[in-house]
Amino acid sequence: MLKHTVEAKRLYKSAAWRKCRESYIAKVHGLCERCGEPGKIVHHKTHIDSENINDPMITLNHNNLEYLCQTCHNREHHEKYSPVRYGMAFDNDGNLINLEG
């Protein structure tokens, strides 16, 4: 995944990306596609890397986009490195418990 590389900055500042982003947000009515809260970040389902950054079928394709709120975006990117998953927690004795039932 490209973080703050020159290529990524160029993509996200481009007119093509701005148009694609705006049209995608309008298409999903500005709401997070996972929880229904107001969205904030247009997420690429196939992560952009140095191999595909110049491929518009990856970078500018509505089928590869998902509009997420900050919380859902954080879950997508950070939860895989966390010892606890969404809906799970540790109880007072240190046991992993399912909060959803």
PDB file of N, CA and C in Angstrom:
ATOM      1  N   MET A   1       0.848  -1.176   0.000  1.00  0.00           N
ATOM      2  CA  MET A   1       0.000   0.000   0.000  1.00  0.00           C
ATOM      3  C   MET A   1       0.890   1.235   0.000  1.00  0.00           C
ATOM      4  N   LEU A   2       0.533   2.206  -0.817  1.00  0.00           N
ATOM      5  CA  LEU A   2       1.282   3.448  -0.869  1.00  0.00           C
ATOM      6  C   LEU A   2       0.808   4.365   0.235  1.00  0.00           C
ATOM      7  N   LYS A   3       1.739   4.872   0.968  1.00  0.00           N
ATOM      8  CA  LYS A   3       1.356   5.818   2.020  1.00  0.00           C
ATOM      9  C   LYS A   3       1.441   7.227   1.448  1.00  0.00           C
ATOM     10  N   HIS A   4       2.483   7.936   1.720  1.00  0.00           N
ATOM     11  CA  HIS A   4       2.593   9.321   1.275  1.00  0.00           C
ATOM     12  C   HIS A   4       3.689   9.461   0.229  1.00  0.00           C
ATOM     13  N   THR A   5       3.660   8.606  -0.767  1.00  0.00           N
ATOM     14  CA  THR A   5       4.655   8.668  -1.826  1.00  0.00           C
ATOM     15  C   THR A   5       4.297   9.773  -2.806  1.00  0.00           C
ATOM     16  N   VAL A   6       5.267  10.136  -3.615  1.00  0.00           N
ATOM     17  CA  VAL A   6       5.040  11.147  -4.643  1.00  0.00           C
ATOM     18  C   VAL A   6       3.910  10.703  -5.568  1.00  0.00           C
ATOM     19  N   GLU A   7       3.911   9.415  -5.940  1.00  0.00           N
ATOM     20  CA  GLU A   7       2.879   8.911  -6.843  1.00  0.00           C
ATOM     21  C   GLU A   7       1.492   9.013  -6.222  1.00  0.00           C
ATOM     22  N   ALA A   8       1.391   8.661  -4.937  1.00  0.00           N
ATOM     23  CA  ALA A   8       0.098   8.727  -4.256  1.00  0.00           C
ATOM     24  C   ALA A   8      -0.377  10.171  -4.143  1.00  0.00           C
ATOM     25  N   LYS A   9       0.502  11.062  -3.796  1.00  0.00           N
ATOM     26  CA  LYS A   9       0.129  12.482  -3.700  1.00  0.00           C
ATOM     27  C   LYS A   9      -0.345  12.994  -5.054  1.00  0.00           C
ATOM     28  N   ARG A  10       0.341  12.583  -6.114  1.00  0.00           N
ATOM     29  CA  ARG A  10      -0.047  13.003  -7.467  1.00  0.00           C
ATOM     30  C   ARG A  10      -1.456  12.495  -7.798  1.00  0.00           C
ATOM     31  N   LEU A  11      -1.724  11.229  -7.493  1.00  0.00           N
ATOM     32  CA  LEU A  11      -3.049  10.668  -7.759  1.00  0.00           C
ATOM     33  C   LEU A  11      -4.122  11.431  -6.999  1.00  0.00           C
ATOM     34  N   TYR A  12      -3.939  11.585  -5.695  1.00  0.00           N
ATOM     35  CA  TYR A  12      -4.995  12.174  -4.871  1.00  0.00           C
ATOM     36  C   TYR A  12      -5.176  13.672  -5.089  1.00  0.00           C
ATOM     37  N   LYS A  13      -4.248  14.327  -5.764  1.00  0.00           N
ATOM     38  CA  LYS A  13      -4.402  15.736  -6.109  1.00  0.00           C
ATOM     39  C   LYS A  13      -4.891  15.924  -7.538  1.00  0.00           C
ATOM     40  N   SER A  14      -5.027  14.837  -8.281  1.00  0.00           N
ATOM     41  CA  SER A  14      -5.406  14.942  -9.697  1.00  0.00           C
ATOM     42  C   SER A  14      -6.883  15.293  -9.864  1.00  0.00           C
ATOM     43  N   ALA A  15      -7.170  15.962 -10.977  1.00  0.00           N
ATOM     44  CA  ALA A  15      -8.561  16.299 -11.310  1.00  0.00           C
ATOM     45  C   ALA A  15      -9.375  15.027 -11.525  1.00  0.00           C
ATOM     46  N   ALA A  16      -8.747  14.009 -12.126  1.00  0.00           N
ATOM     47  CA  ALA A  16      -9.466  12.748 -12.366  1.00  0.00           C
ATOM     48  C   ALA A  16      -9.914  12.119 -11.057  1.00  0.00           C
ATOM     49  N   TRP A  17      -9.046  12.093 -10.042  1.00  0.00           N
ATOM     50  CA  TRP A  17      -9.414  11.519  -8.748  1.00  0.00           C
ATOM     51  C   TRP A  17     -10.501  12.358  -8.076  1.00  0.00           C
ATOM     52  N   ARG A  18     -10.351  13.672  -8.110  1.00  0.00           N
ATOM     53  CA  ARG A  18     -11.354  14.537  -7.466  1.00  0.00           C
ATOM     54  C   ARG A  18     -12.739  14.317  -8.082  1.00  0.00           C
ATOM     55  N   LYS A  19     -12.795  14.220  -9.408  1.00  0.00           N
ATOM     56  CA  LYS A  19     -14.083  13.970 -10.081  1.00  0.00           C
ATOM     57  C   LYS A  19     -14.627  12.592  -9.715  1.00  0.00           C
ATOM     58  N   CYS A  20     -13.764  11.593  -9.739  1.00  0.00           N
ATOM     59  CA  CYS A  20     -14.180  10.230  -9.409  1.00  0.00           C
ATOM     60  C   CYS A  20     -14.702  10.175  -7.969  1.00  0.00           C
ATOM     61  N   ARG A  21     -13.957  10.765  -7.054  1.00  0.00           N
ATOM     62  CA  ARG A  21     -14.328  10.772  -5.633  1.00  0.00           C
ATOM     63  C   ARG A  21     -15.680  11.458  -5.432  1.00  0.00           C
ATOM     64  N   GLU A  22     -15.825  12.645  -6.003  1.00  0.00           N
ATOM     65  CA  GLU A  22     -17.079  13.397  -5.849  1.00  0.00           C
ATOM     66  C   GLU A  22     -18.270  12.616  -6.408  1.00  0.00           C
ATOM     67  N   SER A  23     -18.094  12.028  -7.576  1.00  0.00           N
ATOM     68  CA  SER A  23     -19.216  11.295  -8.176  1.00  0.00           C
ATOM     69  C   SER A  23     -19.538  10.042  -7.375  1.00  0.00           C
ATOM     70  N   TYR A  24     -18.525   9.413  -6.792  1.00  0.00           N
ATOM     71  CA  TYR A  24     -18.781   8.215  -5.998  1.00  0.00           C
ATOM     72  C   TYR A  24     -19.519   8.562  -4.700  1.00  0.00           C
ATOM     73  N   ILE A  25     -19.087   9.619  -4.045  1.00  0.00           N
ATOM     74  CA  ILE A  25     -19.757  10.054  -2.808  1.00  0.00           C
ATOM     75  C   ILE A  25     -21.223  10.379  -3.094  1.00  0.00           C
ATOM     76  N   ALA A  26     -21.482  11.065  -4.195  1.00  0.00           N
ATOM     77  CA  ALA A  26     -22.866  11.384  -4.563  1.00  0.00           C
ATOM     78  C   ALA A  26     -23.663  10.107  -4.820  1.00  0.00           C
ATOM     79  N   LYS A  27     -23.029   9.146  -5.478  1.00  0.00           N
ATOM     80  CA  LYS A  27     -23.697   7.882  -5.805  1.00  0.00           C
ATOM     81  C   LYS A  27     -24.174   7.143  -4.557  1.00  0.00           C
ATOM     82  N   VAL A  28     -23.379   7.212  -3.468  1.00  0.00           N
ATOM     83  CA  VAL A  28     -23.742   6.498  -2.229  1.00  0.00           C
ATOM     84  C   VAL A  28     -24.374   7.442  -1.205  1.00  0.00           C
ATOM     85  N   HIS A  29     -24.749   8.634  -1.671  1.00  0.00           N
ATOM     86  CA  HIS A  29     -25.475   9.612  -0.855  1.00  0.00           C
ATOM     87  C   HIS A  29     -24.692  10.071   0.368  1.00  0.00           C
ATOM     88  N   GLY A  30     -23.365  10.008   0.291  1.00  0.00           N
ATOM     89  CA  GLY A  30     -22.528  10.534   1.369  1.00  0.00           C
ATOM     90  C   GLY A  30     -22.512   9.717   2.641  1.00  0.00           C
ATOM     91  N   LEU A  31     -23.018   8.490   2.579  1.00  0.00           N
ATOM     92  CA  LEU A  31     -23.108   7.668   3.785  1.00  0.00           C
ATOM     93  C   LEU A  31     -22.116   6.516   3.752  1.00  0.00           C
ATOM     94  N   CYS A  32     -21.599   6.176   4.921  1.00  0.00           N
ATOM     95  CA  CYS A  32     -20.707   5.028   5.052  1.00  0.00           C
ATOM     96  C   CYS A  32     -21.447   3.788   4.574  1.00  0.00           C
ATOM     97  N   GLU A  33     -20.790   3.024   3.722  1.00  0.00           N
ATOM     98  CA  GLU A  33     -21.431   1.851   3.143  1.00  0.00           C
ATOM     99  C   GLU A  33     -21.470   0.659   4.090  1.00  0.00           C
ATOM    100  N   ARG A  34     -20.842   0.771   5.245  1.00  0.00           N
ATOM    101  CA  ARG A  34     -20.871  -0.330   6.202  1.00  0.00           C
ATOM    102  C   ARG A  34     -21.825  -0.070   7.364  1.00  0.00           C
ATOM    103  N   CYS A  35     -21.871   1.166   7.845  1.00  0.00           N
ATOM    104  CA  CYS A  35     -22.699   1.416   9.039  1.00  0.00           C
ATOM    105  C   CYS A  35     -23.793   2.451   8.826  1.00  0.00           C
ATOM    106  N   GLY A  36     -23.770   3.176   7.716  1.00  0.00           N
ATOM    107  CA  GLY A  36     -24.809   4.153   7.433  1.00  0.00           C
ATOM    108  C   GLY A  36     -24.583   5.525   8.031  1.00  0.00           C
ATOM    109  N   GLU A  37     -23.520   5.708   8.777  1.00  0.00           N
ATOM    110  CA  GLU A  37     -23.185   7.030   9.330  1.00  0.00           C
ATOM    111  C   GLU A  37     -22.618   7.893   8.203  1.00  0.00           C
ATOM    112  N   PRO A  38     -22.490   9.204   8.436  1.00  0.00           N
ATOM    113  CA  PRO A  38     -21.871  10.044   7.401  1.00  0.00           C
ATOM    114  C   PRO A  38     -20.463   9.544   7.069  1.00  0.00           C
ATOM    115  N   GLY A  39     -20.174   9.442   5.783  1.00  0.00           N
ATOM    116  CA  GLY A  39     -18.878   8.943   5.339  1.00  0.00           C
ATOM    117  C   GLY A  39     -17.813  10.012   5.391  1.00  0.00           C
ATOM    118  N   LYS A  40     -16.573   9.570   5.247  1.00  0.00           N
ATOM    119  CA  LYS A  40     -15.454  10.506   5.280  1.00  0.00           C
ATOM    120  C   LYS A  40     -14.353  10.143   4.278  1.00  0.00           C
ATOM    121  N   ILE A  41     -14.124   8.863   4.022  1.00  0.00           N
ATOM    122  CA  ILE A  41     -12.970   8.428   3.242  1.00  0.00           C
ATOM    123  C   ILE A  41     -13.418   7.498   2.116  1.00  0.00           C
ATOM    124  N   VAL A  42     -12.989   7.807   0.894  1.00  0.00           N
ATOM    125  CA  VAL A  42     -13.217   6.894  -0.217  1.00  0.00           C
ATOM    126  C   VAL A  42     -12.065   5.892  -0.187  1.00  0.00           C
ATOM    127  N   HIS A  43     -12.412   4.662   0.113  1.00  0.00           N
ATOM    128  CA  HIS A  43     -11.449   3.572   0.321  1.00  0.00           C
ATOM    129  C   HIS A  43     -11.349   2.731  -0.942  1.00  0.00           C
ATOM    130  N   HIS A  44     -10.127   2.363  -1.313  1.00  0.00           N
ATOM    131  CA  HIS A  44      -9.911   1.433  -2.422  1.00  0.00           C
ATOM    132  C   HIS A  44      -9.946   0.007  -1.884  1.00  0.00           C
ATOM    133  N   LYS A  45     -10.861  -0.805  -2.377  1.00  0.00           N
ATOM    134  CA  LYS A  45     -10.965  -2.205  -1.939  1.00  0.00           C
ATOM    135  C   LYS A  45      -9.698  -2.977  -2.288  1.00  0.00           C
ATOM    136  N   THR A  46      -9.224  -2.809  -3.525  1.00  0.00           N
ATOM    137  CA  THR A  46      -7.911  -3.332  -3.895  1.00  0.00           C
ATOM    138  C   THR A  46      -6.940  -2.202  -3.595  1.00  0.00           C
ATOM    139  N   HIS A  47      -6.099  -2.417  -2.622  1.00  0.00           N
ATOM    140  CA  HIS A  47      -5.211  -1.356  -2.174  1.00  0.00           C
ATOM    141  C   HIS A  47      -4.273  -0.931  -3.293  1.00  0.00           C
ATOM    142  N   ILE A  48      -3.998   0.343  -3.334  1.00  0.00           N
ATOM    143  CA  ILE A  48      -3.120   0.891  -4.350  1.00  0.00           C
ATOM    144  C   ILE A  48      -1.670   0.657  -3.936  1.00  0.00           C
ATOM    145  N   ASP A  49      -0.870   0.210  -4.902  1.00  0.00           N
ATOM    146  CA  ASP A  49       0.550   0.021  -4.658  1.00  0.00           C
ATOM    147  C   ASP A  49       1.329   0.505  -5.879  1.00  0.00           C
ATOM    148  N   SER A  50       2.626   0.360  -5.850  1.00  0.00           N
ATOM    149  CA  SER A  50       3.458   0.863  -6.946  1.00  0.00           C
ATOM    150  C   SER A  50       3.196   0.131  -8.251  1.00  0.00           C
ATOM    151  N   GLU A  51       2.621  -1.067  -8.185  1.00  0.00           N
ATOM    152  CA  GLU A  51       2.334  -1.846  -9.392  1.00  0.00           C
ATOM    153  C   GLU A  51       1.049  -1.397 -10.090  1.00  0.00           C
ATOM    154  N   ASN A  52       0.082  -0.872  -9.332  1.00  0.00           N
ATOM    155  CA  ASN A  52      -1.220  -0.583  -9.938  1.00  0.00           C
ATOM    156  C   ASN A  52      -1.649   0.884  -9.878  1.00  0.00           C
ATOM    157  N   ILE A  53      -0.792   1.753  -9.381  1.00  0.00           N
ATOM    158  CA  ILE A  53      -1.201   3.151  -9.199  1.00  0.00           C
ATOM    159  C   ILE A  53      -1.552   3.854 -10.507  1.00  0.00           C
ATOM    160  N   ASN A  54      -1.031   3.389 -11.605  1.00  0.00           N
ATOM    161  CA  ASN A  54      -1.339   4.006 -12.895  1.00  0.00           C
ATOM    162  C   ASN A  54      -2.436   3.267 -13.655  1.00  0.00           C
ATOM    163  N   ASP A  55      -3.099   2.336 -12.989  1.00  0.00           N
ATOM    164  CA  ASP A  55      -4.177   1.567 -13.606  1.00  0.00           C
ATOM    165  C   ASP A  55      -5.523   2.166 -13.197  1.00  0.00           C
ATOM    166  N   PRO A  56      -6.197   2.875 -14.118  1.00  0.00           N
ATOM    167  CA  PRO A  56      -7.472   3.497 -13.755  1.00  0.00           C
ATOM    168  C   PRO A  56      -8.563   2.491 -13.375  1.00  0.00           C
ATOM    169  N   MET A  57      -8.411   1.225 -13.785  1.00  0.00           N
ATOM    170  CA  MET A  57      -9.386   0.212 -13.371  1.00  0.00           C
ATOM    171  C   MET A  57      -9.261  -0.081 -11.873  1.00  0.00           C
ATOM    172  N   ILE A  58      -8.146   0.276 -11.274  1.00  0.00           N
ATOM    173  CA  ILE A  58      -7.950   0.142  -9.829  1.00  0.00           C
ATOM    174  C   ILE A  58      -8.213   1.476  -9.146  1.00  0.00           C
ATOM    175  N   THR A  59      -7.597   2.538  -9.646  1.00  0.00           N
ATOM    176  CA  THR A  59      -7.632   3.818  -8.946  1.00  0.00           C
ATOM    177  C   THR A  59      -8.908   4.623  -9.151  1.00  0.00           C
ATOM    178  N   LEU A  60      -9.534   4.511 -10.320  1.00  0.00           N
ATOM    179  CA  LEU A  60     -10.672   5.375 -10.649  1.00  0.00           C
ATOM    180  C   LEU A  60     -11.953   4.610 -10.960  1.00  0.00           C
ATOM    181  N   ASN A  61     -12.014   3.370 -10.613  1.00  0.00           N
ATOM    182  CA  ASN A  61     -13.151   2.513 -10.923  1.00  0.00           C
ATOM    183  C   ASN A  61     -14.107   2.458  -9.730  1.00  0.00           C
ATOM    184  N   HIS A  62     -15.333   2.887  -9.919  1.00  0.00           N
ATOM    185  CA  HIS A  62     -16.321   2.857  -8.827  1.00  0.00           C
ATOM    186  C   HIS A  62     -16.480   1.465  -8.235  1.00  0.00           C
ATOM    187  N   ASN A  63     -16.272   0.423  -9.022  1.00  0.00           N
ATOM    188  CA  ASN A  63     -16.398  -0.943  -8.501  1.00  0.00           C
ATOM    189  C   ASN A  63     -15.303  -1.296  -7.496  1.00  0.00           C
ATOM    190  N   ASN A  64     -14.236  -0.515  -7.460  1.00  0.00           N
ATOM    191  CA  ASN A  64     -13.146  -0.748  -6.513  1.00  0.00           C
ATOM    192  C   ASN A  64     -13.180   0.226  -5.345  1.00  0.00           C
ATOM    193  N   LEU A  65     -14.239   0.999  -5.239  1.00  0.00           N
ATOM    194  CA  LEU A  65     -14.322   2.010  -4.183  1.00  0.00           C
ATOM    195  C   LEU A  65     -15.393   1.658  -3.162  1.00  0.00           C
ATOM    196  N   GLU A  66     -15.196   2.201  -1.975  1.00  0.00           N
ATOM    197  CA  GLU A  66     -16.162   2.050  -0.885  1.00  0.00           C
ATOM    198  C   GLU A  66     -16.053   3.309  -0.038  1.00  0.00           C
ATOM    199  N   TYR A  67     -17.178   3.921   0.274  1.00  0.00           N
ATOM    200  CA  TYR A  67     -17.174   5.133   1.095  1.00  0.00           C
ATOM    201  C   TYR A  67     -17.366   4.717   2.543  1.00  0.00           C
ATOM    202  N   LEU A  68     -16.418   5.130   3.397  1.00  0.00           N
ATOM    203  CA  LEU A  68     -16.417   4.706   4.793  1.00  0.00           C
ATOM    204  C   LEU A  68     -16.326   5.895   5.735  1.00  0.00           C
ATOM    205  N   CYS A  69     -16.906   5.740   6.912  1.00  0.00           N
ATOM    206  CA  CYS A  69     -16.690   6.707   7.984  1.00  0.00           C
ATOM    207  C   CYS A  69     -15.298   6.437   8.568  1.00  0.00           C
ATOM    208  N   GLN A  70     -14.835   7.319   9.414  1.00  0.00           N
ATOM    209  CA  GLN A  70     -13.495   7.149   9.988  1.00  0.00           C
ATOM    210  C   GLN A  70     -13.398   5.862  10.803  1.00  0.00           C
ATOM    211  N   THR A  71     -14.424   5.536  11.566  1.00  0.00           N
ATOM    212  CA  THR A  71     -14.396   4.328  12.402  1.00  0.00           C
ATOM    213  C   THR A  71     -14.293   3.067  11.552  1.00  0.00           C
ATOM    214  N   CYS A  72     -15.120   2.952  10.520  1.00  0.00           N
ATOM    215  CA  CYS A  72     -15.076   1.759   9.666  1.00  0.00           C
ATOM    216  C   CYS A  72     -13.767   1.688   8.885  1.00  0.00           C
ATOM    217  N   HIS A  73     -13.246   2.824   8.470  1.00  0.00           N
ATOM    218  CA  HIS A  73     -11.959   2.835   7.773  1.00  0.00           C
ATOM    219  C   HIS A  73     -10.840   2.386   8.704  1.00  0.00           C
ATOM    220  N   ASN A  74     -10.887   2.845   9.943  1.00  0.00           N
ATOM    221  CA  ASN A  74      -9.875   2.409  10.913  1.00  0.00           C
ATOM    222  C   ASN A  74      -9.962   0.907  11.161  1.00  0.00           C
ATOM    223  N   ARG A  75     -11.174   0.379  11.238  1.00  0.00           N
ATOM    224  CA  ARG A  75     -11.337  -1.070  11.406  1.00  0.00           C
ATOM    225  C   ARG A  75     -10.701  -1.809  10.232  1.00  0.00           C
ATOM    226  N   GLU A  76     -10.940  -1.315   9.037  1.00  0.00           N
ATOM    227  CA  GLU A  76     -10.421  -1.950   7.827  1.00  0.00           C
ATOM    228  C   GLU A  76      -8.896  -1.996   7.827  1.00  0.00           C
ATOM    229  N   HIS A  77      -8.274  -0.920   8.256  1.00  0.00           N
ATOM    230  CA  HIS A  77      -6.821  -0.838   8.146  1.00  0.00           C
ATOM    231  C   HIS A  77      -6.057  -1.211   9.408  1.00  0.00           C
ATOM    232  N   HIS A  78      -6.666  -1.050  10.567  1.00  0.00           N
ATOM    233  CA  HIS A  78      -5.901  -1.233  11.797  1.00  0.00           C
ATOM    234  C   HIS A  78      -6.306  -2.449  12.621  1.00  0.00           C
ATOM    235  N   GLU A  79      -7.515  -2.936  12.449  1.00  0.00           N
ATOM    236  CA  GLU A  79      -7.988  -4.033  13.278  1.00  0.00           C
ATOM    237  C   GLU A  79      -7.196  -5.313  13.048  1.00  0.00           C
ATOM    238  N   LYS A  80      -6.703  -5.525  11.837  1.00  0.00           N
ATOM    239  CA  LYS A  80      -5.965  -6.756  11.561  1.00  0.00           C
ATOM    240  C   LYS A  80      -4.675  -6.846  12.359  1.00  0.00           C
ATOM    241  N   TYR A  81      -4.187  -5.718  12.871  1.00  0.00           N
ATOM    242  CA  TYR A  81      -2.968  -5.716  13.681  1.00  0.00           C
ATOM    243  C   TYR A  81      -3.267  -5.658  15.174  1.00  0.00           C
ATOM    244  N   SER A  82      -4.522  -5.588  15.517  1.00  0.00           N
ATOM    245  CA  SER A  82      -4.928  -5.486  16.918  1.00  0.00           C
ATOM    246  C   SER A  82      -5.167  -6.873  17.510  1.00  0.00           C
ATOM    247  N   PRO A  83      -4.871  -7.056  18.790  1.00  0.00           N
ATOM    248  CA  PRO A  83      -5.158  -8.351  19.405  1.00  0.00           C
ATOM    249  C   PRO A  83      -6.651  -8.581  19.622  1.00  0.00           C
ATOM    250  N   VAL A  84      -7.458  -7.520  19.483  1.00  0.00           N
ATOM    251  CA  VAL A  84      -8.895  -7.619  19.699  1.00  0.00           C
ATOM    252  C   VAL A  84      -9.610  -7.256  18.401  1.00  0.00           C
ATOM    253  N   ARG A  85     -10.604  -8.005  18.040  1.00  0.00           N
ATOM    254  CA  ARG A  85     -11.402  -7.749  16.853  1.00  0.00           C
ATOM    255  C   ARG A  85     -12.700  -7.042  17.247  1.00  0.00           C
ATOM    256  N   TYR A  86     -13.310  -6.390  16.270  1.00  0.00           N
ATOM    257  CA  TYR A  86     -14.583  -5.720  16.491  1.00  0.00           C
ATOM    258  C   TYR A  86     -15.580  -6.728  17.046  1.00  0.00           C
ATOM    259  N   GLY A  87     -16.297  -6.326  18.101  1.00  0.00           N
ATOM    260  CA  GLY A  87     -17.275  -7.212  18.719  1.00  0.00           C
ATOM    261  C   GLY A  87     -16.675  -8.144  19.757  1.00  0.00           C
ATOM    262  N   MET A  88     -15.380  -8.011  20.003  1.00  0.00           N
ATOM    263  CA  MET A  88     -14.683  -8.844  20.986  1.00  0.00           C
ATOM    264  C   MET A  88     -14.010  -7.918  22.009  1.00  0.00           C
ATOM    265  N   ALA A  89     -13.798  -8.448  23.201  1.00  0.00           N
ATOM    266  CA  ALA A  89     -13.124  -7.679  24.248  1.00  0.00           C
ATOM    267  C   ALA A  89     -12.557  -8.651  25.274  1.00  0.00           C
ATOM    268  N   PHE A  90     -11.728  -8.123  26.144  1.00  0.00           N
ATOM    269  CA  PHE A  90     -11.225  -8.911  27.268  1.00  0.00           C
ATOM    270  C   PHE A  90     -12.050  -8.573  28.498  1.00  0.00           C
ATOM    271  N   ASP A  91     -12.445  -9.589  29.270  1.00  0.00           N
ATOM    272  CA  ASP A  91     -13.154  -9.341  30.520  1.00  0.00           C
ATOM    273  C   ASP A  91     -12.140  -9.024  31.615  1.00  0.00           C
ATOM    274  N   ASN A  92     -12.614  -8.827  32.836  1.00  0.00           N
ATOM    275  CA  ASN A  92     -11.739  -8.457  33.954  1.00  0.00           C
ATOM    276  C   ASN A  92     -10.717  -9.533  34.302  1.00  0.00           C
ATOM    277  N   ASP A  93     -10.978 -10.770  33.898  1.00  0.00           N
ATOM    278  CA  ASP A  93     -10.045 -11.863  34.159  1.00  0.00           C
ATOM    279  C   ASP A  93      -9.083 -12.108  32.993  1.00  0.00           C
ATOM    280  N   GLY A  94      -9.195 -11.299  31.945  1.00  0.00           N
ATOM    281  CA  GLY A  94      -8.306 -11.450  30.804  1.00  0.00           C
ATOM    282  C   GLY A  94      -8.787 -12.445  29.766  1.00  0.00           C
ATOM    283  N   ASN A  95     -10.023 -12.890  29.899  1.00  0.00           N
ATOM    284  CA  ASN A  95     -10.584 -13.825  28.914  1.00  0.00           C
ATOM    285  C   ASN A  95     -11.183 -13.071  27.747  1.00  0.00           C
ATOM    286  N   LEU A  96     -11.000 -13.593  26.552  1.00  0.00           N
ATOM    287  CA  LEU A  96     -11.586 -12.978  25.363  1.00  0.00           C
ATOM    288  C   LEU A  96     -13.068 -13.338  25.302  1.00  0.00           C
ATOM    289  N   ILE A  97     -13.917 -12.311  25.181  1.00  0.00           N
ATOM    290  CA  ILE A  97     -15.362 -12.536  25.156  1.00  0.00           C
ATOM    291  C   ILE A  97     -15.967 -11.884  23.914  1.00  0.00           C
ATOM    292  N   ASN A  98     -17.066 -12.448  23.443  1.00  0.00           N
ATOM    293  CA  ASN A  98     -17.804 -11.930  22.311  1.00  0.00           C
ATOM    294  C   ASN A  98     -18.863 -10.977  22.846  1.00  0.00           C
ATOM    295  N   LEU A  99     -18.785  -9.713  22.457  1.00  0.00           N
ATOM    296  CA  LEU A  99     -19.729  -8.703  22.938  1.00  0.00           C
ATOM    297  C   LEU A  99     -21.065  -8.763  22.213  1.00  0.00           C
ATOM    298  N   GLU A 100     -21.106  -9.467  21.100  1.00  0.00           N
ATOM    299  CA  GLU A 100     -22.321  -9.508  20.295  1.00  0.00           C
ATOM    300  C   GLU A 100     -23.224 -10.690  20.635  1.00  0.00           C
ATOM    301  N   GLY A 101     -22.931 -11.369  21.690  1.00  0.00           N
ATOM    302  CA  GLY A 101     -23.835 -12.435  22.078  1.00  0.00           C
ATOM    303  C   GLY A 101     -23.131 -13.688  22.238  1.00  0.00           C
TER     304      GLY A 101
END
